[in-house]
Amino acid sequence: MVVTTKRLDAEGKAAVVVAEGKLSGQGASDRLCRAMLAAIERYEAVVADLLAATDVDACAIGALAQAAATAGMAGKIFAVAAVGEVAGTIEGLGFAGALKLRESVEVEEL
């Protein structure tokens, strides 16, 4: 799994945390969580981009839920972009609403 963080807007108020590959296991989830929490600390809005993720498990969903809760408590915006099986897993577990699941990383939609 590869995780990178990129600024989404010219003002530096929004960022995307891009996770590619298999998001399963505690190690991968911990890396994802650390990246998301660091972005939430620095930016007003953060999108977790899972569009290139091939798999998510309960650990990854837990990391996403932790990031969403942290953003909410800090008065910041957090959303998850995912499609296909990954989106289906998030929806199937009942987290689509809490994670503000979307199909795009566009900051204008936040």
PDB file of N, CA and C in Angstrom:
ATOM      1  N   MET A   1       0.835  -1.174   0.000  1.00  0.00           N
ATOM      2  CA  MET A   1       0.000   0.000   0.000  1.00  0.00           C
ATOM      3  C   MET A   1       0.881   1.238   0.000  1.00  0.00           C
ATOM      4  N   VAL A   2       0.505   2.212  -0.807  1.00  0.00           N
ATOM      5  CA  VAL A   2       1.205   3.481  -0.892  1.00  0.00           C
ATOM      6  C   VAL A   2       0.247   4.577  -0.448  1.00  0.00           C
ATOM      7  N   VAL A   3       0.708   5.483   0.428  1.00  0.00           N
ATOM      8  CA  VAL A   3      -0.104   6.604   0.895  1.00  0.00           C
ATOM      9  C   VAL A   3       0.664   7.893   0.655  1.00  0.00           C
ATOM     10  N   THR A   4       0.007   8.852  -0.003  1.00  0.00           N
ATOM     11  CA  THR A   4       0.602  10.169  -0.228  1.00  0.00           C
ATOM     12  C   THR A   4      -0.428  11.244   0.094  1.00  0.00           C
ATOM     13  N   THR A   5       0.038  12.415   0.454  1.00  0.00           N
ATOM     14  CA  THR A   5      -0.852  13.541   0.733  1.00  0.00           C
ATOM     15  C   THR A   5      -0.527  14.665  -0.243  1.00  0.00           C
ATOM     16  N   LYS A   6      -1.583  15.234  -0.831  1.00  0.00           N
ATOM     17  CA  LYS A   6      -1.425  16.317  -1.800  1.00  0.00           C
ATOM     18  C   LYS A   6      -2.392  17.445  -1.479  1.00  0.00           C
ATOM     19  N   ARG A   7      -1.941  18.675  -1.683  1.00  0.00           N
ATOM     20  CA  ARG A   7      -2.820  19.829  -1.502  1.00  0.00           C
ATOM     21  C   ARG A   7      -3.816  19.852  -2.652  1.00  0.00           C
ATOM     22  N   LEU A   8      -5.076  20.170  -2.349  1.00  0.00           N
ATOM     23  CA  LEU A   8      -6.127  20.173  -3.362  1.00  0.00           C
ATOM     24  C   LEU A   8      -6.436  21.550  -3.929  1.00  0.00           C
ATOM     25  N   ASP A   9      -6.137  22.604  -3.187  1.00  0.00           N
ATOM     26  CA  ASP A   9      -6.515  23.939  -3.634  1.00  0.00           C
ATOM     27  C   ASP A   9      -5.348  24.908  -3.507  1.00  0.00           C
ATOM     28  N   ALA A  10      -5.442  26.010  -4.219  1.00  0.00           N
ATOM     29  CA  ALA A  10      -4.361  27.005  -4.231  1.00  0.00           C
ATOM     30  C   ALA A  10      -4.178  27.680  -2.873  1.00  0.00           C
ATOM     31  N   GLU A  11      -5.246  27.787  -2.094  1.00  0.00           N
ATOM     32  CA  GLU A  11      -5.169  28.441  -0.790  1.00  0.00           C
ATOM     33  C   GLU A  11      -4.551  27.554   0.290  1.00  0.00           C
ATOM     34  N   GLY A  12      -4.415  26.286   0.016  1.00  0.00           N
ATOM     35  CA  GLY A  12      -3.834  25.376   0.995  1.00  0.00           C
ATOM     36  C   GLY A  12      -4.776  25.012   2.126  1.00  0.00           C
ATOM     37  N   LYS A  13      -6.079  25.082   1.862  1.00  0.00           N
ATOM     38  CA  LYS A  13      -7.061  24.761   2.902  1.00  0.00           C
ATOM     39  C   LYS A  13      -7.589  23.333   2.810  1.00  0.00           C
ATOM     40  N   ALA A  14      -7.335  22.665   1.688  1.00  0.00           N
ATOM     41  CA  ALA A  14      -7.857  21.309   1.486  1.00  0.00           C
ATOM     42  C   ALA A  14      -6.755  20.392   0.956  1.00  0.00           C
ATOM     43  N   ALA A  15      -6.865  19.126   1.339  1.00  0.00           N
ATOM     44  CA  ALA A  15      -5.877  18.138   0.900  1.00  0.00           C
ATOM     45  C   ALA A  15      -6.560  16.812   0.615  1.00  0.00           C
ATOM     46  N   VAL A  16      -5.852  16.001  -0.140  1.00  0.00           N
ATOM     47  CA  VAL A  16      -6.307  14.645  -0.418  1.00  0.00           C
ATOM     48  C   VAL A  16      -5.228  13.683   0.062  1.00  0.00           C
ATOM     49  N   VAL A  17      -5.645  12.655   0.771  1.00  0.00           N
ATOM     50  CA  VAL A  17      -4.747  11.580   1.184  1.00  0.00           C
ATOM     51  C   VAL A  17      -5.050  10.414   0.246  1.00  0.00           C
ATOM     52  N   VAL A  18      -4.098  10.100  -0.621  1.00  0.00           N
ATOM     53  CA  VAL A  18      -4.294   9.075  -1.637  1.00  0.00           C
ATOM     54  C   VAL A  18      -3.730   7.748  -1.132  1.00  0.00           C
ATOM     55  N   ALA A  19      -4.581   6.737  -1.115  1.00  0.00           N
ATOM     56  CA  ALA A  19      -4.153   5.396  -0.709  1.00  0.00           C
ATOM     57  C   ALA A  19      -4.353   4.457  -1.894  1.00  0.00           C
ATOM     58  N   GLU A  20      -3.272   3.800  -2.303  1.00  0.00           N
ATOM     59  CA  GLU A  20      -3.316   2.901  -3.447  1.00  0.00           C
ATOM     60  C   GLU A  20      -2.956   1.487  -3.012  1.00  0.00           C
ATOM     61  N   GLY A  21      -3.630   0.512  -3.605  1.00  0.00           N
ATOM     62  CA  GLY A  21      -3.321  -0.872  -3.315  1.00  0.00           C
ATOM     63  C   GLY A  21      -4.242  -1.470  -2.266  1.00  0.00           C
ATOM     64  N   LYS A  22      -3.765  -2.509  -1.646  1.00  0.00           N
ATOM     65  CA  LYS A  22      -4.554  -3.284  -0.680  1.00  0.00           C
ATOM     66  C   LYS A  22      -4.514  -2.623   0.693  1.00  0.00           C
ATOM     67  N   LEU A  23      -5.676  -2.214   1.190  1.00  0.00           N
ATOM     68  CA  LEU A  23      -5.789  -1.573   2.504  1.00  0.00           C
ATOM     69  C   LEU A  23      -6.325  -2.583   3.514  1.00  0.00           C
ATOM     70  N   SER A  24      -5.477  -3.507   3.858  1.00  0.00           N
ATOM     71  CA  SER A  24      -5.906  -4.514   4.834  1.00  0.00           C
ATOM     72  C   SER A  24      -4.761  -4.791   5.792  1.00  0.00           C
ATOM     73  N   GLY A  25      -5.121  -5.139   6.995  1.00  0.00           N
ATOM     74  CA  GLY A  25      -4.139  -5.413   8.034  1.00  0.00           C
ATOM     75  C   GLY A  25      -3.863  -4.180   8.882  1.00  0.00           C
ATOM     76  N   GLN A  26      -3.409  -4.430  10.077  1.00  0.00           N
ATOM     77  CA  GLN A  26      -3.180  -3.340  11.027  1.00  0.00           C
ATOM     78  C   GLN A  26      -2.092  -2.377  10.567  1.00  0.00           C
ATOM     79  N   GLY A  27      -1.007  -2.874   9.981  1.00  0.00           N
ATOM     80  CA  GLY A  27       0.079  -2.001   9.541  1.00  0.00           C
ATOM     81  C   GLY A  27      -0.368  -1.002   8.488  1.00  0.00           C
ATOM     82  N   ALA A  28      -1.086  -1.467   7.472  1.00  0.00           N
ATOM     83  CA  ALA A  28      -1.582  -0.585   6.413  1.00  0.00           C
ATOM     84  C   ALA A  28      -2.576   0.423   6.977  1.00  0.00           C
ATOM     85  N   SER A  29      -3.442  -0.037   7.847  1.00  0.00           N
ATOM     86  CA  SER A  29      -4.435   0.851   8.447  1.00  0.00           C
ATOM     87  C   SER A  29      -3.784   1.907   9.325  1.00  0.00           C
ATOM     88  N   ASP A  30      -2.746   1.526  10.059  1.00  0.00           N
ATOM     89  CA  ASP A  30      -2.028   2.499  10.891  1.00  0.00           C
ATOM     90  C   ASP A  30      -1.372   3.575  10.041  1.00  0.00           C
ATOM     91  N   ARG A  31      -0.744   3.184   8.916  1.00  0.00           N
ATOM     92  CA  ARG A  31      -0.123   4.171   8.016  1.00  0.00           C
ATOM     93  C   ARG A  31      -1.172   5.121   7.450  1.00  0.00           C
ATOM     94  N   LEU A  32      -2.299   4.562   7.025  1.00  0.00           N
ATOM     95  CA  LEU A  32      -3.381   5.380   6.487  1.00  0.00           C
ATOM     96  C   LEU A  32      -3.903   6.337   7.553  1.00  0.00           C
ATOM     97  N   CYS A  33      -4.124   5.836   8.741  1.00  0.00           N
ATOM     98  CA  CYS A  33      -4.654   6.661   9.827  1.00  0.00           C
ATOM     99  C   CYS A  33      -3.697   7.808  10.164  1.00  0.00           C
ATOM    100  N   ARG A  34      -2.407   7.514  10.288  1.00  0.00           N
ATOM    101  CA  ARG A  34      -1.427   8.570  10.593  1.00  0.00           C
ATOM    102  C   ARG A  34      -1.438   9.660   9.536  1.00  0.00           C
ATOM    103  N   ALA A  35      -1.505   9.271   8.270  1.00  0.00           N
ATOM    104  CA  ALA A  35      -1.522  10.249   7.180  1.00  0.00           C
ATOM    105  C   ALA A  35      -2.784  11.108   7.225  1.00  0.00           C
ATOM    106  N   MET A  36      -3.921  10.478   7.479  1.00  0.00           N
ATOM    107  CA  MET A  36      -5.183  11.228   7.524  1.00  0.00           C
ATOM    108  C   MET A  36      -5.209  12.181   8.712  1.00  0.00           C
ATOM    109  N   LEU A  37      -4.761  11.723   9.884  1.00  0.00           N
ATOM    110  CA  LEU A  37      -4.768  12.581  11.069  1.00  0.00           C
ATOM    111  C   LEU A  37      -3.818  13.755  10.908  1.00  0.00           C
ATOM    112  N   ALA A  38      -2.666  13.538  10.290  1.00  0.00           N
ATOM    113  CA  ALA A  38      -1.728  14.640  10.035  1.00  0.00           C
ATOM    114  C   ALA A  38      -2.357  15.664   9.088  1.00  0.00           C
ATOM    115  N   ALA A  39      -3.054  15.183   8.061  1.00  0.00           N
ATOM    116  CA  ALA A  39      -3.709  16.094   7.122  1.00  0.00           C
ATOM    117  C   ALA A  39      -4.835  16.865   7.799  1.00  0.00           C
ATOM    118  N   ILE A  40      -5.602  16.197   8.646  1.00  0.00           N
ATOM    119  CA  ILE A  40      -6.697  16.864   9.366  1.00  0.00           C
ATOM    120  C   ILE A  40      -6.143  17.958  10.275  1.00  0.00           C
ATOM    121  N   GLU A  41      -5.000  17.709  10.874  1.00  0.00           N
ATOM    122  CA  GLU A  41      -4.381  18.712  11.744  1.00  0.00           C
ATOM    123  C   GLU A  41      -3.968  19.954  10.948  1.00  0.00           C
ATOM    124  N   ARG A  42      -3.528  19.760   9.717  1.00  0.00           N
ATOM    125  CA  ARG A  42      -2.977  20.851   8.916  1.00  0.00           C
ATOM    126  C   ARG A  42      -4.008  21.564   8.036  1.00  0.00           C
ATOM    127  N   TYR A  43      -5.007  20.855   7.522  1.00  0.00           N
ATOM    128  CA  TYR A  43      -5.946  21.399   6.548  1.00  0.00           C
ATOM    129  C   TYR A  43      -7.361  21.485   7.116  1.00  0.00           C
ATOM    130  N   GLU A  44      -8.178  22.356   6.506  1.00  0.00           N
ATOM    131  CA  GLU A  44      -9.572  22.517   6.919  1.00  0.00           C
ATOM    132  C   GLU A  44     -10.472  21.410   6.366  1.00  0.00           C
ATOM    133  N   ALA A  45     -10.112  20.885   5.196  1.00  0.00           N
ATOM    134  CA  ALA A  45     -10.897  19.828   4.557  1.00  0.00           C
ATOM    135  C   ALA A  45      -9.944  18.757   4.019  1.00  0.00           C
ATOM    136  N   VAL A  46     -10.316  17.494   4.244  1.00  0.00           N
ATOM    137  CA  VAL A  46      -9.482  16.373   3.812  1.00  0.00           C
ATOM    138  C   VAL A  46     -10.364  15.326   3.142  1.00  0.00           C
ATOM    139  N   VAL A  47      -9.908  14.847   1.989  1.00  0.00           N
ATOM    140  CA  VAL A  47     -10.581  13.741   1.310  1.00  0.00           C
ATOM    141  C   VAL A  47      -9.627  12.551   1.303  1.00  0.00           C
ATOM    142  N   ALA A  48     -10.101  11.419   1.769  1.00  0.00           N
ATOM    143  CA  ALA A  48      -9.337  10.174   1.660  1.00  0.00           C
ATOM    144  C   ALA A  48      -9.679   9.580   0.294  1.00  0.00           C
ATOM    145  N   ASP A  49      -8.704   9.567  -0.594  1.00  0.00           N
ATOM    146  CA  ASP A  49      -8.903   9.081  -1.962  1.00  0.00           C
ATOM    147  C   ASP A  49      -8.560   7.591  -2.024  1.00  0.00           C
ATOM    148  N   LEU A  50      -9.606   6.766  -2.073  1.00  0.00           N
ATOM    149  CA  LEU A  50      -9.434   5.315  -2.155  1.00  0.00           C
ATOM    150  C   LEU A  50      -9.797   4.808  -3.554  1.00  0.00           C
ATOM    151  N   LEU A  51      -9.787   5.701  -4.536  1.00  0.00           N
ATOM    152  CA  LEU A  51     -10.179   5.326  -5.893  1.00  0.00           C
ATOM    153  C   LEU A  51      -9.257   4.271  -6.491  1.00  0.00           C
ATOM    154  N   ALA A  52      -8.000   4.222  -6.044  1.00  0.00           N
ATOM    155  CA  ALA A  52      -7.050   3.221  -6.543  1.00  0.00           C
ATOM    156  C   ALA A  52      -6.808   2.102  -5.528  1.00  0.00           C
ATOM    157  N   ALA A  53      -7.607   2.072  -4.479  1.00  0.00           N
ATOM    158  CA  ALA A  53      -7.493   0.995  -3.490  1.00  0.00           C
ATOM    159  C   ALA A  53      -8.149  -0.261  -4.048  1.00  0.00           C
ATOM    160  N   THR A  54      -7.560  -1.399  -3.761  1.00  0.00           N
ATOM    161  CA  THR A  54      -8.081  -2.654  -4.297  1.00  0.00           C
ATOM    162  C   THR A  54      -8.871  -3.460  -3.283  1.00  0.00           C
ATOM    163  N   ASP A  55      -8.753  -3.123  -2.022  1.00  0.00           N
ATOM    164  CA  ASP A  55      -9.408  -3.903  -0.979  1.00  0.00           C
ATOM    165  C   ASP A  55      -9.388  -3.102   0.313  1.00  0.00           C
ATOM    166  N   VAL A  56     -10.426  -3.194   1.107  1.00  0.00           N
ATOM    167  CA  VAL A  56     -10.426  -2.617   2.450  1.00  0.00           C
ATOM    168  C   VAL A  56     -10.953  -3.658   3.418  1.00  0.00           C
ATOM    169  N   ASP A  57     -10.431  -3.622   4.643  1.00  0.00           N
ATOM    170  CA  ASP A  57     -10.940  -4.530   5.665  1.00  0.00           C
ATOM    171  C   ASP A  57     -11.433  -3.711   6.857  1.00  0.00           C
ATOM    172  N   ALA A  58     -11.818  -4.388   7.921  1.00  0.00           N
ATOM    173  CA  ALA A  58     -12.359  -3.716   9.100  1.00  0.00           C
ATOM    174  C   ALA A  58     -11.353  -2.756   9.723  1.00  0.00           C
ATOM    175  N   CYS A  59     -10.066  -3.086   9.666  1.00  0.00           N
ATOM    176  CA  CYS A  59      -9.034  -2.183  10.207  1.00  0.00           C
ATOM    177  C   CYS A  59      -9.022  -0.864   9.446  1.00  0.00           C
ATOM    178  N   ALA A  60      -9.102  -0.936   8.127  1.00  0.00           N
ATOM    179  CA  ALA A  60      -9.108   0.280   7.309  1.00  0.00           C
ATOM    180  C   ALA A  60     -10.365   1.099   7.557  1.00  0.00           C
ATOM    181  N   ILE A  61     -11.511   0.435   7.666  1.00  0.00           N
ATOM    182  CA  ILE A  61     -12.761   1.143   7.955  1.00  0.00           C
ATOM    183  C   ILE A  61     -12.657   1.825   9.317  1.00  0.00           C
ATOM    184  N   GLY A  62     -12.041   1.157  10.277  1.00  0.00           N
ATOM    185  CA  GLY A  62     -11.834   1.762  11.592  1.00  0.00           C
ATOM    186  C   GLY A  62     -10.965   3.004  11.526  1.00  0.00           C
ATOM    187  N   ALA A  63      -9.907   2.954  10.703  1.00  0.00           N
ATOM    188  CA  ALA A  63      -9.026   4.118  10.533  1.00  0.00           C
ATOM    189  C   ALA A  63      -9.797   5.278   9.902  1.00  0.00           C
ATOM    190  N   LEU A  64     -10.625   4.981   8.909  1.00  0.00           N
ATOM    191  CA  LEU A  64     -11.442   6.019   8.278  1.00  0.00           C
ATOM    192  C   LEU A  64     -12.434   6.615   9.274  1.00  0.00           C
ATOM    193  N   ALA A  65     -13.054   5.766  10.079  1.00  0.00           N
ATOM    194  CA  ALA A  65     -14.012   6.246  11.078  1.00  0.00           C
ATOM    195  C   ALA A  65     -13.317   7.112  12.127  1.00  0.00           C
ATOM    196  N   GLN A  66     -12.122   6.728  12.532  1.00  0.00           N
ATOM    197  CA  GLN A  66     -11.365   7.532  13.493  1.00  0.00           C
ATOM    198  C   GLN A  66     -11.040   8.903  12.905  1.00  0.00           C
ATOM    199  N   ALA A  67     -10.622   8.936  11.648  1.00  0.00           N
ATOM    200  CA  ALA A  67     -10.312  10.207  10.987  1.00  0.00           C
ATOM    201  C   ALA A  67     -11.561  11.076  10.879  1.00  0.00           C
ATOM    202  N   ALA A  68     -12.692  10.486  10.510  1.00  0.00           N
ATOM    203  CA  ALA A  68     -13.943  11.241  10.402  1.00  0.00           C
ATOM    204  C   ALA A  68     -14.349  11.828  11.752  1.00  0.00           C
ATOM    205  N   ALA A  69     -14.212  11.039  12.806  1.00  0.00           N
ATOM    206  CA  ALA A  69     -14.558  11.526  14.144  1.00  0.00           C
ATOM    207  C   ALA A  69     -13.622  12.644  14.595  1.00  0.00           C
ATOM    208  N   THR A  70     -12.333  12.493  14.333  1.00  0.00           N
ATOM    209  CA  THR A  70     -11.351  13.512  14.703  1.00  0.00           C
ATOM    210  C   THR A  70     -11.631  14.813  13.961  1.00  0.00           C
ATOM    211  N   ALA A  71     -11.909  14.716  12.667  1.00  0.00           N
ATOM    212  CA  ALA A  71     -12.231  15.912  11.877  1.00  0.00           C
ATOM    213  C   ALA A  71     -13.488  16.589  12.418  1.00  0.00           C
ATOM    214  N   GLY A  72     -14.498  15.798  12.707  1.00  0.00           N
ATOM    215  CA  GLY A  72     -15.746  16.348  13.234  1.00  0.00           C
ATOM    216  C   GLY A  72     -15.548  17.078  14.554  1.00  0.00           C
ATOM    217  N   MET A  73     -14.767  16.485  15.449  1.00  0.00           N
ATOM    218  CA  MET A  73     -14.514  17.121  16.744  1.00  0.00           C
ATOM    219  C   MET A  73     -13.710  18.408  16.595  1.00  0.00           C
ATOM    220  N   ALA A  74     -12.903  18.505  15.539  1.00  0.00           N
ATOM    221  CA  ALA A  74     -12.085  19.692  15.297  1.00  0.00           C
ATOM    222  C   ALA A  74     -12.816  20.720  14.432  1.00  0.00           C
ATOM    223  N   GLY A  75     -14.056  20.419  14.034  1.00  0.00           N
ATOM    224  CA  GLY A  75     -14.816  21.334  13.197  1.00  0.00           C
ATOM    225  C   GLY A  75     -14.311  21.388  11.762  1.00  0.00           C
ATOM    226  N   LYS A  76     -13.713  20.304  11.320  1.00  0.00           N
ATOM    227  CA  LYS A  76     -13.168  20.238   9.966  1.00  0.00           C
ATOM    228  C   LYS A  76     -13.985  19.275   9.119  1.00  0.00           C
ATOM    229  N   ILE A  77     -13.725  19.283   7.823  1.00  0.00           N
ATOM    230  CA  ILE A  77     -14.472  18.464   6.870  1.00  0.00           C
ATOM    231  C   ILE A  77     -13.636  17.254   6.478  1.00  0.00           C
ATOM    232  N   PHE A  78     -14.278  16.089   6.459  1.00  0.00           N
ATOM    233  CA  PHE A  78     -13.613  14.862   6.046  1.00  0.00           C
ATOM    234  C   PHE A  78     -14.569  14.072   5.174  1.00  0.00           C
ATOM    235  N   ALA A  79     -14.063  13.533   4.079  1.00  0.00           N
ATOM    236  CA  ALA A  79     -14.872  12.711   3.179  1.00  0.00           C
ATOM    237  C   ALA A  79     -13.997  11.609   2.597  1.00  0.00           C
ATOM    238  N   VAL A  80     -14.649  10.592   2.057  1.00  0.00           N
ATOM    239  CA  VAL A  80     -13.952   9.462   1.439  1.00  0.00           C
ATOM    240  C   VAL A  80     -14.427   9.319  -0.005  1.00  0.00           C
ATOM    241  N   ALA A  81     -13.481   9.231  -0.931  1.00  0.00           N
ATOM    242  CA  ALA A  81     -13.792   8.978  -2.336  1.00  0.00           C
ATOM    243  C   ALA A  81     -13.443   7.530  -2.649  1.00  0.00           C
ATOM    244  N   ALA A  82     -14.433   6.772  -3.100  1.00  0.00           N
ATOM    245  CA  ALA A  82     -14.212   5.359  -3.426  1.00  0.00           C
ATOM    246  C   ALA A  82     -15.276   4.905  -4.417  1.00  0.00           C
ATOM    247  N   VAL A  83     -14.940   3.879  -5.178  1.00  0.00           N
ATOM    248  CA  VAL A  83     -15.868   3.282  -6.141  1.00  0.00           C
ATOM    249  C   VAL A  83     -15.714   1.761  -6.083  1.00  0.00           C
ATOM    250  N   GLY A  84     -16.584   1.083  -6.784  1.00  0.00           N
ATOM    251  CA  GLY A  84     -16.472  -0.365  -6.928  1.00  0.00           C
ATOM    252  C   GLY A  84     -16.583  -1.133  -5.624  1.00  0.00           C
ATOM    253  N   GLU A  85     -15.748  -2.169  -5.500  1.00  0.00           N
ATOM    254  CA  GLU A  85     -15.791  -3.036  -4.321  1.00  0.00           C
ATOM    255  C   GLU A  85     -15.520  -2.292  -3.026  1.00  0.00           C
ATOM    256  N   VAL A  86     -14.585  -1.347  -3.084  1.00  0.00           N
ATOM    257  CA  VAL A  86     -14.245  -0.592  -1.878  1.00  0.00           C
ATOM    258  C   VAL A  86     -15.458   0.206  -1.414  1.00  0.00           C
ATOM    259  N   ALA A  87     -16.107   0.914  -2.321  1.00  0.00           N
ATOM    260  CA  ALA A  87     -17.315   1.663  -1.972  1.00  0.00           C
ATOM    261  C   ALA A  87     -18.409   0.712  -1.483  1.00  0.00           C
ATOM    262  N   GLY A  88     -18.517  -0.429  -2.139  1.00  0.00           N
ATOM    263  CA  GLY A  88     -19.521  -1.415  -1.735  1.00  0.00           C
ATOM    264  C   GLY A  88     -19.305  -1.923  -0.328  1.00  0.00           C
ATOM    265  N   THR A  89     -18.046  -2.123   0.048  1.00  0.00           N
ATOM    266  CA  THR A  89     -17.736  -2.559   1.408  1.00  0.00           C
ATOM    267  C   THR A  89     -18.119  -1.492   2.419  1.00  0.00           C
ATOM    268  N   ILE A  90     -17.764  -0.253   2.119  1.00  0.00           N
ATOM    269  CA  ILE A  90     -18.098   0.860   3.022  1.00  0.00           C
ATOM    270  C   ILE A  90     -19.608   0.986   3.168  1.00  0.00           C
ATOM    271  N   GLU A  91     -20.319   0.920   2.055  1.00  0.00           N
ATOM    272  CA  GLU A  91     -21.782   0.989   2.095  1.00  0.00           C
ATOM    273  C   GLU A  91     -22.379  -0.202   2.832  1.00  0.00           C
ATOM    274  N   GLY A  92     -21.869  -1.398   2.536  1.00  0.00           N
ATOM    275  CA  GLY A  92     -22.388  -2.613   3.152  1.00  0.00           C
ATOM    276  C   GLY A  92     -22.225  -2.643   4.660  1.00  0.00           C
ATOM    277  N   LEU A  93     -21.183  -2.010   5.148  1.00  0.00           N
ATOM    278  CA  LEU A  93     -20.954  -1.952   6.597  1.00  0.00           C
ATOM    279  C   LEU A  93     -21.684  -0.783   7.252  1.00  0.00           C
ATOM    280  N   GLY A  94     -22.385   0.012   6.457  1.00  0.00           N
ATOM    281  CA  GLY A  94     -23.192   1.101   7.001  1.00  0.00           C
ATOM    282  C   GLY A  94     -22.423   2.381   7.311  1.00  0.00           C
ATOM    283  N   PHE A  95     -21.264   2.573   6.685  1.00  0.00           N
ATOM    284  CA  PHE A  95     -20.446   3.750   6.982  1.00  0.00           C
ATOM    285  C   PHE A  95     -20.511   4.833   5.898  1.00  0.00           C
ATOM    286  N   ALA A  96     -21.302   4.651   4.856  1.00  0.00           N
ATOM    287  CA  ALA A  96     -21.329   5.613   3.748  1.00  0.00           C
ATOM    288  C   ALA A  96     -21.682   7.020   4.218  1.00  0.00           C
ATOM    289  N   GLY A  97     -22.666   7.155   5.053  1.00  0.00           N
ATOM    290  CA  GLY A  97     -23.080   8.474   5.546  1.00  0.00           C
ATOM    291  C   GLY A  97     -22.056   9.102   6.461  1.00  0.00           C
ATOM    292  N   ALA A  98     -21.572   8.336   7.418  1.00  0.00           N
ATOM    293  CA  ALA A  98     -20.601   8.862   8.383  1.00  0.00           C
ATOM    294  C   ALA A  98     -19.295   9.273   7.725  1.00  0.00           C
ATOM    295  N   LEU A  99     -18.926   8.581   6.642  1.00  0.00           N
ATOM    296  CA  LEU A  99     -17.671   8.884   5.945  1.00  0.00           C
ATOM    297  C   LEU A  99     -17.876   9.819   4.757  1.00  0.00           C
ATOM    298  N   LYS A 100     -19.101  10.298   4.563  1.00  0.00           N
ATOM    299  CA  LYS A 100     -19.432  11.183   3.439  1.00  0.00           C
ATOM    300  C   LYS A 100     -18.883  10.605   2.132  1.00  0.00           C
ATOM    301  N   LEU A 101     -19.238   9.357   1.886  1.00  0.00           N
ATOM    302  CA  LEU A 101     -18.748   8.629   0.720  1.00  0.00           C
ATOM    303  C   LEU A 101     -19.170   9.321  -0.570  1.00  0.00           C
ATOM    304  N   ARG A 102     -18.210   9.464  -1.496  1.00  0.00           N
ATOM    305  CA  ARG A 102     -18.434  10.094  -2.784  1.00  0.00           C
ATOM    306  C   ARG A 102     -17.604   9.385  -3.839  1.00  0.00           C
ATOM    307  N   GLU A 103     -17.814   9.726  -5.094  1.00  0.00           N
ATOM    308  CA  GLU A 103     -17.071   9.105  -6.196  1.00  0.00           C
ATOM    309  C   GLU A 103     -15.965   9.999  -6.731  1.00  0.00           C
ATOM    310  N   SER A 104     -15.751  11.148  -6.120  1.00  0.00           N
ATOM    311  CA  SER A 104     -14.787  12.135  -6.628  1.00  0.00           C
ATOM    312  C   SER A 104     -14.027  12.788  -5.477  1.00  0.00           C
ATOM    313  N   VAL A 105     -12.847  13.305  -5.777  1.00  0.00           N
ATOM    314  CA  VAL A 105     -12.071  14.020  -4.758  1.00  0.00           C
ATOM    315  C   VAL A 105     -12.203  15.522  -4.910  1.00  0.00           C
ATOM    316  N   GLU A 106     -13.110  15.992  -5.748  1.00  0.00           N
ATOM    317  CA  GLU A 106     -13.264  17.421  -6.000  1.00  0.00           C
ATOM    318  C   GLU A 106     -13.591  18.192  -4.722  1.00  0.00           C
ATOM    319  N   VAL A 107     -12.796  19.214  -4.448  1.00  0.00           N
ATOM    320  CA  VAL A 107     -12.957  20.010  -3.234  1.00  0.00           C
ATOM    321  C   VAL A 107     -14.252  20.838  -3.274  1.00  0.00           C
ATOM    322  N   GLU A 108     -14.724  21.198  -4.455  1.00  0.00           N
ATOM    323  CA  GLU A 108     -15.938  21.985  -4.570  1.00  0.00           C
ATOM    324  C   GLU A 108     -17.157  21.248  -4.019  1.00  0.00           C
ATOM    325  N   GLU A 109     -17.092  19.933  -4.003  1.00  0.00           N
ATOM    326  CA  GLU A 109     -18.219  19.128  -3.525  1.00  0.00           C
ATOM    327  C   GLU A 109     -18.267  19.051  -1.999  1.00  0.00           C
ATOM    328  N   LEU A 110     -17.227  19.501  -1.337  1.00  0.00           N
ATOM    329  CA  LEU A 110     -17.192  19.432   0.112  1.00  0.00           C
ATOM    330  C   LEU A 110     -18.042  20.530   0.695  1.00  0.00           C
TER     331      LEU A 110
END
